[in-house]
Amino acid sequence: MQRAGICRAATGADRAGPGGSGRLTYLPTSVRGVWLYPYLVIDVWSRKVVAWDVAERKEARIAADLVSRACLRERISKSRPRPLILHADNGNAMRAATLESRLEELGVLRSFSRPRVSNDNPYSESLFRTVKYRPDYPRRPFRSQEEACRWACAFVDWYNRRHRHSSIRFVTPDQRHSGQAVELCRHRALVYEQARQRHPRRWSRSTRCWRQPGVVWINPPPPENAIDAILIRARIPMIGNQNLTQILNNGAHDPEAMQEPIGARQQHHFEFKACVQLTKPNLPQSRHGFDFNC
């Protein structure tokens, strides 16, 4: 089973910049031991399925063509200021040079799940759980690829246009993707508040929060100071909490904050300074993206 989605150790999505996630799963056929493979690309910010396909084999070329179709449909060009990020698992198709070269042509950055972490692509996992627990999911195996494509087409249409997703305040992915969700949730909040004023005894607390989530993350990064503290303690294990705070505030430029012998103080000071300079510029920023499922 292969997965793809938006950014490596920490991935985020907001409305300003795109990102995506994806995964590959298995559909049974009437022939024992033969499977069909649905490929899906979803926008992790809106949860919309932006491209899909059902194939008889797992190939990097199929995945590359699917990503190209998703970028074309969503009008994502290489010249955009914030690049698209595609998050995937470490499967052969996702790591192949064919997909890598296609993503470079499209200006898409790659991201992979962490080794031996099975839940690093939660949006894809959640989507395929919805696929296989639908009431109309066939009880018998698919008899052909065309039959599987017809069912997948009907599912994608239902999921994008009619499925009210709980993580995006019970609006459809299409409504959030097109920007209608904000006004819709504002109207819902007004209706709830009016009902609360008419019948206050029905509410022991405030009404439901209908505010749309502004940023979506896959593995959000810790605060910068927390990262710096981990780096300092790894390099200088004997430092105290008070001196640690002073070093963070001064940017590791105050040697008096480190109460150690002169030789050890100078060595640790330069190790810490180099480590922070190399690490902090590479901290992942909030981005909007696609999730590639195959």
C-alpha atoms as a PDB file:
ATOM      1  CA  MET A   1       0.000   0.000   0.000  1.00  0.00           C
ATOM      2  CA  GLN A   2       1.488   3.330  -1.019  1.00  0.00           C
ATOM      3  CA  ARG A   3       0.635   6.779   0.190  1.00  0.00           C
ATOM      4  CA  ALA A   4       1.364  10.290  -0.888  1.00  0.00           C
ATOM      5  CA  GLY A   5       0.436  13.647   0.630  1.00  0.00           C
ATOM      6  CA  ILE A   6       1.993  17.124   1.540  1.00  0.00           C
ATOM      7  CA  CYS A   7       5.282  17.819   3.376  1.00  0.00           C
ATOM      8  CA  ARG A   8       7.854  15.595   5.047  1.00  0.00           C
ATOM      9  CA  ALA A   9       8.338  15.667   8.848  1.00  0.00           C
ATOM     10  CA  ALA A  10       6.061  18.654   9.218  1.00  0.00           C
ATOM     11  CA  THR A  11       3.569  19.662   6.585  1.00  0.00           C
ATOM     12  CA  GLY A  12       1.004  22.428   6.653  1.00  0.00           C
ATOM     13  CA  ALA A  13      -1.636  23.894   4.386  1.00  0.00           C
ATOM     14  CA  ASP A  14      -3.383  27.227   4.293  1.00  0.00           C
ATOM     15  CA  ARG A  15      -5.462  29.016   1.680  1.00  0.00           C
ATOM     16  CA  ALA A  16      -2.508  30.952   0.266  1.00  0.00           C
ATOM     17  CA  GLY A  17      -0.320  28.109  -0.923  1.00  0.00           C
ATOM     18  CA  PRO A  18      -1.203  24.647  -2.281  1.00  0.00           C
ATOM     19  CA  GLY A  19      -0.164  21.224  -1.072  1.00  0.00           C
ATOM     20  CA  GLY A  20      -1.469  17.730  -1.571  1.00  0.00           C
ATOM     21  CA  SER A  21      -1.418  14.173  -0.385  1.00  0.00           C
ATOM     22  CA  GLY A  22      -2.044  10.780  -1.929  1.00  0.00           C
ATOM     23  CA  ARG A  23      -2.168   7.064  -1.445  1.00  0.00           C
ATOM     24  CA  LEU A  24      -2.554   3.755  -3.262  1.00  0.00           C
ATOM     25  CA  THR A  25      -4.863   1.028  -2.002  1.00  0.00           C
ATOM     26  CA  TYR A  26      -6.273  -2.237  -3.330  1.00  0.00           C
ATOM     27  CA  LEU A  27      -9.652  -3.114  -4.863  1.00  0.00           C
ATOM     28  CA  PRO A  28     -10.478  -6.827  -5.179  1.00  0.00           C
ATOM     29  CA  THR A  29     -11.436  -8.391  -8.504  1.00  0.00           C
ATOM     30  CA  SER A  30     -13.264 -11.572  -9.390  1.00  0.00           C
ATOM     31  CA  VAL A  31      -9.913 -13.231 -10.246  1.00  0.00           C
ATOM     32  CA  ARG A  32      -8.146 -14.546  -7.170  1.00  0.00           C
ATOM     33  CA  GLY A  33      -4.858 -12.735  -6.519  1.00  0.00           C
ATOM     34  CA  VAL A  34      -5.533  -9.966  -9.066  1.00  0.00           C
ATOM     35  CA  TRP A  35      -6.151  -6.445  -7.773  1.00  0.00           C
ATOM     36  CA  LEU A  36      -7.040  -3.019  -9.075  1.00  0.00           C
ATOM     37  CA  TYR A  37      -5.276   0.076  -7.779  1.00  0.00           C
ATOM     38  CA  PRO A  38      -7.163   3.369  -7.299  1.00  0.00           C
ATOM     39  CA  TYR A  39      -4.984   6.490  -7.417  1.00  0.00           C
ATOM     40  CA  LEU A  40      -6.313   9.620  -5.714  1.00  0.00           C
ATOM     41  CA  VAL A  41      -4.913  13.138  -5.332  1.00  0.00           C
ATOM     42  CA  ILE A  42      -6.583  15.261  -2.653  1.00  0.00           C
ATOM     43  CA  ASP A  43      -6.135  18.833  -1.507  1.00  0.00           C
ATOM     44  CA  VAL A  44      -5.412  18.504   2.208  1.00  0.00           C
ATOM     45  CA  TRP A  45      -6.721  22.008   2.939  1.00  0.00           C
ATOM     46  CA  SER A  46     -10.182  21.458   1.455  1.00  0.00           C
ATOM     47  CA  ARG A  47     -10.195  17.601   1.382  1.00  0.00           C
ATOM     48  CA  LYS A  48     -11.317  17.759  -2.241  1.00  0.00           C
ATOM     49  CA  VAL A  49     -10.363  14.923  -4.597  1.00  0.00           C
ATOM     50  CA  VAL A  50      -8.758  16.858  -7.454  1.00  0.00           C
ATOM     51  CA  ALA A  51      -7.698  13.882  -9.604  1.00  0.00           C
ATOM     52  CA  TRP A  52      -8.225  10.131  -9.606  1.00  0.00           C
ATOM     53  CA  ASP A  53      -7.675   6.999 -11.659  1.00  0.00           C
ATOM     54  CA  VAL A  54      -8.060   3.216 -11.396  1.00  0.00           C
ATOM     55  CA  ALA A  55      -5.231   1.139 -12.876  1.00  0.00           C
ATOM     56  CA  GLU A  56      -4.350  -2.523 -13.188  1.00  0.00           C
ATOM     57  CA  ARG A  57      -0.791  -2.032 -11.936  1.00  0.00           C
ATOM     58  CA  LYS A  58       1.327   0.236  -9.756  1.00  0.00           C
ATOM     59  CA  GLU A  59       3.566   2.421 -11.898  1.00  0.00           C
ATOM     60  CA  ALA A  60       5.335   5.719 -11.395  1.00  0.00           C
ATOM     61  CA  ARG A  61       4.217   6.850 -14.865  1.00  0.00           C
ATOM     62  CA  ILE A  62       0.553   6.591 -13.861  1.00  0.00           C
ATOM     63  CA  ALA A  63       1.218   8.568 -10.708  1.00  0.00           C
ATOM     64  CA  ALA A  64       3.143  11.204 -12.671  1.00  0.00           C
ATOM     65  CA  ASP A  65       0.326  11.617 -15.214  1.00  0.00           C
ATOM     66  CA  LEU A  66      -2.207  11.937 -12.399  1.00  0.00           C
ATOM     67  CA  VAL A  67      -0.237  14.706 -10.690  1.00  0.00           C
ATOM     68  CA  SER A  68       0.070  16.517 -14.036  1.00  0.00           C
ATOM     69  CA  ARG A  69      -3.699  16.371 -14.484  1.00  0.00           C
ATOM     70  CA  ALA A  70      -4.238  17.668 -10.950  1.00  0.00           C
ATOM     71  CA  CYS A  71      -1.908  20.645 -11.528  1.00  0.00           C
ATOM     72  CA  LEU A  72      -3.546  21.413 -14.883  1.00  0.00           C
ATOM     73  CA  ARG A  73      -7.053  21.237 -13.437  1.00  0.00           C
ATOM     74  CA  GLU A  74      -6.169  23.446 -10.458  1.00  0.00           C
ATOM     75  CA  ARG A  75      -4.111  25.846 -12.645  1.00  0.00           C
ATOM     76  CA  ILE A  76      -0.929  25.374 -10.646  1.00  0.00           C
ATOM     77  CA  SER A  77       2.108  26.555 -12.584  1.00  0.00           C
ATOM     78  CA  LYS A  78       5.816  26.399 -11.901  1.00  0.00           C
ATOM     79  CA  SER A  79       5.982  30.195 -11.608  1.00  0.00           C
ATOM     80  CA  ARG A  80       3.673  30.427  -8.578  1.00  0.00           C
ATOM     81  CA  PRO A  81       5.344  32.112  -5.554  1.00  0.00           C
ATOM     82  CA  ARG A  82       4.547  29.272  -3.144  1.00  0.00           C
ATOM     83  CA  PRO A  83       5.208  25.851  -4.689  1.00  0.00           C
ATOM     84  CA  LEU A  84       2.920  22.872  -4.414  1.00  0.00           C
ATOM     85  CA  ILE A  85       4.086  20.171  -1.994  1.00  0.00           C
ATOM     86  CA  LEU A  86       3.177  16.542  -2.601  1.00  0.00           C
ATOM     87  CA  HIS A  87       3.318  14.232   0.402  1.00  0.00           C
ATOM     88  CA  ALA A  88       3.773  10.509  -0.232  1.00  0.00           C
ATOM     89  CA  ASP A  89       4.906   7.347   1.451  1.00  0.00           C
ATOM     90  CA  ASN A  90       8.166   5.589   0.656  1.00  0.00           C
ATOM     91  CA  GLY A  91       6.799   3.103  -1.868  1.00  0.00           C
ATOM     92  CA  ASN A  92       8.624   2.264  -5.085  1.00  0.00           C
ATOM     93  CA  ALA A  93       6.212   4.176  -7.315  1.00  0.00           C
ATOM     94  CA  MET A  94       6.469   7.292  -5.158  1.00  0.00           C
ATOM     95  CA  ARG A  95      10.281   7.155  -5.025  1.00  0.00           C
ATOM     96  CA  ALA A  96      10.788   6.400  -8.720  1.00  0.00           C
ATOM     97  CA  ALA A  97      12.875   8.692 -10.924  1.00  0.00           C
ATOM     98  CA  THR A  98       9.957   8.976 -13.391  1.00  0.00           C
ATOM     99  CA  LEU A  99       7.761  10.705 -10.836  1.00  0.00           C
ATOM    100  CA  GLU A 100      10.664  12.757  -9.505  1.00  0.00           C
ATOM    101  CA  SER A 101      11.518  14.202 -12.923  1.00  0.00           C
ATOM    102  CA  ARG A 102       7.869  14.998 -13.645  1.00  0.00           C
ATOM    103  CA  LEU A 103       7.507  16.834 -10.345  1.00  0.00           C
ATOM    104  CA  GLU A 104      10.632  18.865 -11.107  1.00  0.00           C
ATOM    105  CA  GLU A 105       9.131  19.885 -14.464  1.00  0.00           C
ATOM    106  CA  LEU A 106       5.939  20.980 -12.695  1.00  0.00           C
ATOM    107  CA  GLY A 107       7.782  22.796  -9.908  1.00  0.00           C
ATOM    108  CA  VAL A 108       6.290  20.508  -7.252  1.00  0.00           C
ATOM    109  CA  LEU A 109       8.228  19.774  -4.071  1.00  0.00           C
ATOM    110  CA  ARG A 110       8.248  16.245  -2.692  1.00  0.00           C
ATOM    111  CA  SER A 111       7.636  15.100   0.860  1.00  0.00           C
ATOM    112  CA  PHE A 112       7.702  11.616   2.338  1.00  0.00           C
ATOM    113  CA  SER A 113       6.411   9.899   5.426  1.00  0.00           C
ATOM    114  CA  ARG A 114       8.887   9.210   8.179  1.00  0.00           C
ATOM    115  CA  PRO A 115      10.398   5.696   8.227  1.00  0.00           C
ATOM    116  CA  ARG A 116       8.364   3.148  10.173  1.00  0.00           C
ATOM    117  CA  VAL A 117       5.538   5.625  10.875  1.00  0.00           C
ATOM    118  CA  SER A 118       2.252   4.219   9.609  1.00  0.00           C
ATOM    119  CA  ASN A 119       0.031   7.250  10.288  1.00  0.00           C
ATOM    120  CA  ASP A 120       2.082   9.991   8.629  1.00  0.00           C
ATOM    121  CA  ASN A 121      -0.561  10.470   5.927  1.00  0.00           C
ATOM    122  CA  PRO A 122      -3.806  10.750   7.928  1.00  0.00           C
ATOM    123  CA  TYR A 123      -5.844  12.500   5.220  1.00  0.00           C
ATOM    124  CA  SER A 124      -5.309   9.684   2.751  1.00  0.00           C
ATOM    125  CA  GLU A 125      -5.952   7.048   5.407  1.00  0.00           C
ATOM    126  CA  SER A 126      -9.187   8.760   6.396  1.00  0.00           C
ATOM    127  CA  LEU A 127     -10.329   9.042   2.781  1.00  0.00           C
ATOM    128  CA  PHE A 128      -9.832   5.363   2.007  1.00  0.00           C
ATOM    129  CA  ARG A 129     -11.552   4.409   5.235  1.00  0.00           C
ATOM    130  CA  THR A 130     -14.541   6.402   3.971  1.00  0.00           C
ATOM    131  CA  VAL A 131     -14.273   4.627   0.611  1.00  0.00           C
ATOM    132  CA  LYS A 132     -14.446   1.110   2.006  1.00  0.00           C
ATOM    133  CA  TYR A 133     -17.092   1.815   4.659  1.00  0.00           C
ATOM    134  CA  ARG A 134     -19.592   3.422   2.311  1.00  0.00           C
ATOM    135  CA  PRO A 135     -22.998   1.647   2.387  1.00  0.00           C
ATOM    136  CA  ASP A 136     -22.905   1.286  -1.411  1.00  0.00           C
ATOM    137  CA  TYR A 137     -19.392  -0.205  -1.461  1.00  0.00           C
ATOM    138  CA  PRO A 138     -19.752  -3.438  -3.504  1.00  0.00           C
ATOM    139  CA  ARG A 139     -20.069  -6.580  -1.434  1.00  0.00           C
ATOM    140  CA  ARG A 140     -18.654  -8.649  -4.276  1.00  0.00           C
ATOM    141  CA  PRO A 141     -15.334  -8.065  -6.088  1.00  0.00           C
ATOM    142  CA  PHE A 142     -15.245  -5.892  -9.185  1.00  0.00           C
ATOM    143  CA  ARG A 143     -15.622  -7.856 -12.404  1.00  0.00           C
ATOM    144  CA  SER A 144     -13.628  -5.413 -14.551  1.00  0.00           C
ATOM    145  CA  GLN A 145     -11.633  -2.199 -14.505  1.00  0.00           C
ATOM    146  CA  GLU A 146     -14.525  -0.351 -16.175  1.00  0.00           C
ATOM    147  CA  GLU A 147     -16.887  -1.349 -13.359  1.00  0.00           C
ATOM    148  CA  ALA A 148     -14.395  -0.126 -10.760  1.00  0.00           C
ATOM    149  CA  CYS A 149     -14.003   3.175 -12.645  1.00  0.00           C
ATOM    150  CA  ARG A 150     -17.764   3.719 -12.709  1.00  0.00           C
ATOM    151  CA  TRP A 151     -18.011   3.141  -8.971  1.00  0.00           C
ATOM    152  CA  ALA A 152     -15.000   5.379  -8.251  1.00  0.00           C
ATOM    153  CA  CYS A 153     -16.494   8.168 -10.386  1.00  0.00           C
ATOM    154  CA  ALA A 154     -19.765   8.014  -8.448  1.00  0.00           C
ATOM    155  CA  PHE A 155     -17.908   7.999  -5.134  1.00  0.00           C
ATOM    156  CA  VAL A 156     -15.750  11.021  -6.006  1.00  0.00           C
ATOM    157  CA  ASP A 157     -18.823  12.966  -7.098  1.00  0.00           C
ATOM    158  CA  TRP A 158     -20.595  12.124  -3.809  1.00  0.00           C
ATOM    159  CA  TYR A 159     -17.510  12.870  -1.714  1.00  0.00           C
ATOM    160  CA  ASN A 160     -16.767  16.261  -3.291  1.00  0.00           C
ATOM    161  CA  ARG A 161     -20.325  17.557  -3.693  1.00  0.00           C
ATOM    162  CA  ARG A 162     -22.507  15.950  -1.017  1.00  0.00           C
ATOM    163  CA  HIS A 163     -20.332  14.585   1.787  1.00  0.00           C
ATOM    164  CA  ARG A 164     -20.339  16.991   4.755  1.00  0.00           C
ATOM    165  CA  HIS A 165     -16.926  16.540   6.304  1.00  0.00           C
ATOM    166  CA  SER A 166     -16.753  16.801  10.096  1.00  0.00           C
ATOM    167  CA  SER A 167     -13.174  18.165  10.115  1.00  0.00           C
ATOM    168  CA  ILE A 168     -14.168  21.194   8.016  1.00  0.00           C
ATOM    169  CA  ARG A 169     -17.292  22.053  10.033  1.00  0.00           C
ATOM    170  CA  PHE A 170     -19.736  19.884   8.084  1.00  0.00           C
ATOM    171  CA  VAL A 171     -19.386  21.534   4.698  1.00  0.00           C
ATOM    172  CA  THR A 172     -18.580  19.698   1.506  1.00  0.00           C
ATOM    173  CA  PRO A 173     -15.032  19.708   0.088  1.00  0.00           C
ATOM    174  CA  ASP A 174     -16.316  21.602  -2.960  1.00  0.00           C
ATOM    175  CA  GLN A 175     -17.784  24.345  -0.757  1.00  0.00           C
ATOM    176  CA  ARG A 176     -14.518  24.785   1.128  1.00  0.00           C
ATOM    177  CA  HIS A 177     -12.417  24.566  -2.023  1.00  0.00           C
ATOM    178  CA  SER A 178     -14.459  27.290  -3.752  1.00  0.00           C
ATOM    179  CA  GLY A 179     -14.539  29.594  -0.700  1.00  0.00           C
ATOM    180  CA  GLN A 180     -18.268  29.253   0.024  1.00  0.00           C
ATOM    181  CA  ALA A 181     -17.692  27.588   3.396  1.00  0.00           C
ATOM    182  CA  VAL A 182     -16.841  30.794   5.280  1.00  0.00           C
ATOM    183  CA  GLU A 183     -20.135  32.523   4.493  1.00  0.00           C
ATOM    184  CA  LEU A 184     -22.078  29.311   5.031  1.00  0.00           C
ATOM    185  CA  CYS A 185     -20.572  28.777   8.492  1.00  0.00           C
ATOM    186  CA  ARG A 186     -21.126  32.438   9.370  1.00  0.00           C
ATOM    187  CA  HIS A 187     -24.822  32.003   8.586  1.00  0.00           C
ATOM    188  CA  ARG A 188     -24.970  28.820  10.672  1.00  0.00           C
ATOM    189  CA  ALA A 189     -23.390  30.599  13.639  1.00  0.00           C
ATOM    190  CA  LEU A 190     -25.988  33.366  13.377  1.00  0.00           C
ATOM    191  CA  VAL A 191     -28.863  30.868  13.278  1.00  0.00           C
ATOM    192  CA  TYR A 192     -27.503  29.011  16.313  1.00  0.00           C
ATOM    193  CA  GLU A 193     -27.077  32.250  18.280  1.00  0.00           C
ATOM    194  CA  GLN A 194     -30.625  33.360  17.476  1.00  0.00           C
ATOM    195  CA  ALA A 195     -31.967  29.989  18.613  1.00  0.00           C
ATOM    196  CA  ARG A 196     -29.952  30.236  21.817  1.00  0.00           C
ATOM    197  CA  GLN A 197     -31.390  33.656  22.579  1.00  0.00           C
ATOM    198  CA  ARG A 198     -34.957  32.402  22.014  1.00  0.00           C
ATOM    199  CA  HIS A 199     -34.479  29.247  24.109  1.00  0.00           C
ATOM    200  CA  PRO A 200     -31.566  29.834  26.512  1.00  0.00           C
ATOM    201  CA  ARG A 201     -32.451  26.802  28.662  1.00  0.00           C
ATOM    202  CA  ARG A 202     -31.452  24.456  25.849  1.00  0.00           C
ATOM    203  CA  TRP A 203     -27.824  25.602  26.079  1.00  0.00           C
ATOM    204  CA  SER A 204     -25.679  25.147  29.145  1.00  0.00           C
ATOM    205  CA  ARG A 205     -22.640  26.506  27.290  1.00  0.00           C
ATOM    206  CA  SER A 206     -21.929  28.552  24.183  1.00  0.00           C
ATOM    207  CA  THR A 207     -23.086  27.415  20.749  1.00  0.00           C
ATOM    208  CA  ARG A 208     -21.048  25.228  18.442  1.00  0.00           C
ATOM    209  CA  CYS A 209     -17.932  26.806  16.949  1.00  0.00           C
ATOM    210  CA  TRP A 210     -18.476  27.176  13.206  1.00  0.00           C
ATOM    211  CA  ARG A 211     -15.171  28.911  12.432  1.00  0.00           C
ATOM    212  CA  GLN A 212     -13.391  27.294   9.511  1.00  0.00           C
ATOM    213  CA  PRO A 213      -9.900  25.947  10.294  1.00  0.00           C
ATOM    214  CA  GLY A 214      -7.362  28.307   8.792  1.00  0.00           C
ATOM    215  CA  VAL A 215      -4.294  26.031   8.654  1.00  0.00           C
ATOM    216  CA  VAL A 216      -4.069  22.268   8.204  1.00  0.00           C
ATOM    217  CA  TRP A 217      -0.959  20.340   9.274  1.00  0.00           C
ATOM    218  CA  ILE A 218       0.606  16.952   8.808  1.00  0.00           C
ATOM    219  CA  ASN A 219       2.927  16.645  11.826  1.00  0.00           C
ATOM    220  CA  PRO A 220       3.091  20.299  12.957  1.00  0.00           C
ATOM    221  CA  PRO A 221       6.610  21.403  13.949  1.00  0.00           C
ATOM    222  CA  PRO A 222       7.369  22.405  17.557  1.00  0.00           C
ATOM    223  CA  PRO A 223       7.943  26.098  18.365  1.00  0.00           C
ATOM    224  CA  GLU A 224      11.324  27.492  17.356  1.00  0.00           C
ATOM    225  CA  ASN A 225      12.411  27.996  20.966  1.00  0.00           C
ATOM    226  CA  ALA A 226      11.568  24.375  21.721  1.00  0.00           C
ATOM    227  CA  ILE A 227      13.777  23.246  18.830  1.00  0.00           C
ATOM    228  CA  ASP A 228      16.587  25.524  20.013  1.00  0.00           C
ATOM    229  CA  ALA A 229      16.287  24.160  23.558  1.00  0.00           C
ATOM    230  CA  ILE A 230      16.573  20.583  22.288  1.00  0.00           C
ATOM    231  CA  LEU A 231      19.668  21.496  20.276  1.00  0.00           C
ATOM    232  CA  ILE A 232      21.271  23.257  23.233  1.00  0.00           C
ATOM    233  CA  ARG A 233      20.651  20.395  25.630  1.00  0.00           C
ATOM    234  CA  ALA A 234      21.974  17.896  23.105  1.00  0.00           C
ATOM    235  CA  ARG A 235      25.216  19.902  22.729  1.00  0.00           C
ATOM    236  CA  ILE A 236      25.525  21.281  26.276  1.00  0.00           C
ATOM    237  CA  PRO A 237      23.912  18.840  28.728  1.00  0.00           C
ATOM    238  CA  MET A 238      25.052  20.660  31.917  1.00  0.00           C
ATOM    239  CA  ILE A 239      23.394  24.013  31.184  1.00  0.00           C
ATOM    240  CA  GLY A 240      20.697  25.305  33.592  1.00  0.00           C
ATOM    241  CA  ASN A 241      17.187  26.490  32.732  1.00  0.00           C
ATOM    242  CA  GLN A 242      17.921  30.133  33.605  1.00  0.00           C
ATOM    243  CA  ASN A 243      21.043  30.234  31.435  1.00  0.00           C
ATOM    244  CA  LEU A 244      19.180  28.379  28.694  1.00  0.00           C
ATOM    245  CA  THR A 245      16.562  31.140  28.554  1.00  0.00           C
ATOM    246  CA  GLN A 246      19.303  33.762  28.428  1.00  0.00           C
ATOM    247  CA  ILE A 247      21.036  32.021  25.520  1.00  0.00           C
ATOM    248  CA  LEU A 248      17.782  31.756  23.563  1.00  0.00           C
ATOM    249  CA  ASN A 249      17.026  35.446  24.110  1.00  0.00           C
ATOM    250  CA  ASN A 250      20.535  36.538  23.168  1.00  0.00           C
ATOM    251  CA  GLY A 251      20.817  34.289  20.131  1.00  0.00           C
ATOM    252  CA  ALA A 252      23.756  32.309  21.613  1.00  0.00           C
ATOM    253  CA  HIS A 253      26.066  35.340  21.383  1.00  0.00           C
ATOM    254  CA  ASP A 254      26.617  35.822  25.139  1.00  0.00           C
ATOM    255  CA  PRO A 255      29.415  33.512  26.368  1.00  0.00           C
ATOM    256  CA  GLU A 256      28.789  34.585  29.983  1.00  0.00           C
ATOM    257  CA  ALA A 257      25.470  32.738  29.920  1.00  0.00           C
ATOM    258  CA  MET A 258      27.287  29.409  29.843  1.00  0.00           C
ATOM    259  CA  GLN A 259      28.814  28.679  33.206  1.00  0.00           C
ATOM    260  CA  GLU A 260      31.510  26.224  32.121  1.00  0.00           C
ATOM    261  CA  PRO A 261      35.314  26.224  31.865  1.00  0.00           C
ATOM    262  CA  ILE A 262      36.771  28.465  29.162  1.00  0.00           C
ATOM    263  CA  GLY A 263      37.830  25.696  26.773  1.00  0.00           C
ATOM    264  CA  ALA A 264      34.557  23.765  26.951  1.00  0.00           C
ATOM    265  CA  ARG A 265      32.557  27.019  26.801  1.00  0.00           C
ATOM    266  CA  GLN A 266      34.127  28.123  23.528  1.00  0.00           C
ATOM    267  CA  GLN A 267      33.771  24.701  21.930  1.00  0.00           C
ATOM    268  CA  HIS A 268      30.101  24.321  22.870  1.00  0.00           C
ATOM    269  CA  HIS A 269      29.313  27.903  21.923  1.00  0.00           C
ATOM    270  CA  PHE A 270      30.475  27.463  18.339  1.00  0.00           C
ATOM    271  CA  GLU A 271      28.830  24.040  18.005  1.00  0.00           C
ATOM    272  CA  PHE A 272      25.495  25.472  19.109  1.00  0.00           C
ATOM    273  CA  LYS A 273      25.778  28.536  16.892  1.00  0.00           C
ATOM    274  CA  ALA A 274      26.564  26.489  13.778  1.00  0.00           C
ATOM    275  CA  CYS A 275      23.781  24.021  14.538  1.00  0.00           C
ATOM    276  CA  VAL A 276      21.127  26.715  14.879  1.00  0.00           C
ATOM    277  CA  GLN A 277      22.259  28.530  11.747  1.00  0.00           C
ATOM    278  CA  LEU A 278      21.992  25.354   9.716  1.00  0.00           C
ATOM    279  CA  THR A 279      18.685  24.221  11.198  1.00  0.00           C
ATOM    280  CA  LYS A 280      16.468  27.269  11.616  1.00  0.00           C
ATOM    281  CA  PRO A 281      16.284  28.374   7.943  1.00  0.00           C
ATOM    282  CA  ASN A 282      15.024  24.906   6.992  1.00  0.00           C
ATOM    283  CA  LEU A 283      12.074  24.904   9.373  1.00  0.00           C
ATOM    284  CA  PRO A 284       8.944  24.039   7.364  1.00  0.00           C
ATOM    285  CA  GLN A 285       6.514  26.861   6.785  1.00  0.00           C
ATOM    286  CA  SER A 286       2.737  26.663   6.574  1.00  0.00           C
ATOM    287  CA  ARG A 287       1.673  25.666   3.086  1.00  0.00           C
ATOM    288  CA  HIS A 288      -1.445  24.574   1.320  1.00  0.00           C
ATOM    289  CA  GLY A 289      -1.134  21.312  -0.516  1.00  0.00           C
ATOM    290  CA  PHE A 290      -2.411  18.180  -2.209  1.00  0.00           C
ATOM    291  CA  ASP A 291      -2.521  14.674  -0.847  1.00  0.00           C
ATOM    292  CA  PHE A 292      -1.708  12.021  -3.427  1.00  0.00           C
ATOM    293  CA  ASN A 293      -3.404   8.657  -2.835  1.00  0.00           C
ATOM    294  CA  CYS A 294      -2.719   5.610  -4.891  1.00  0.00           C
END
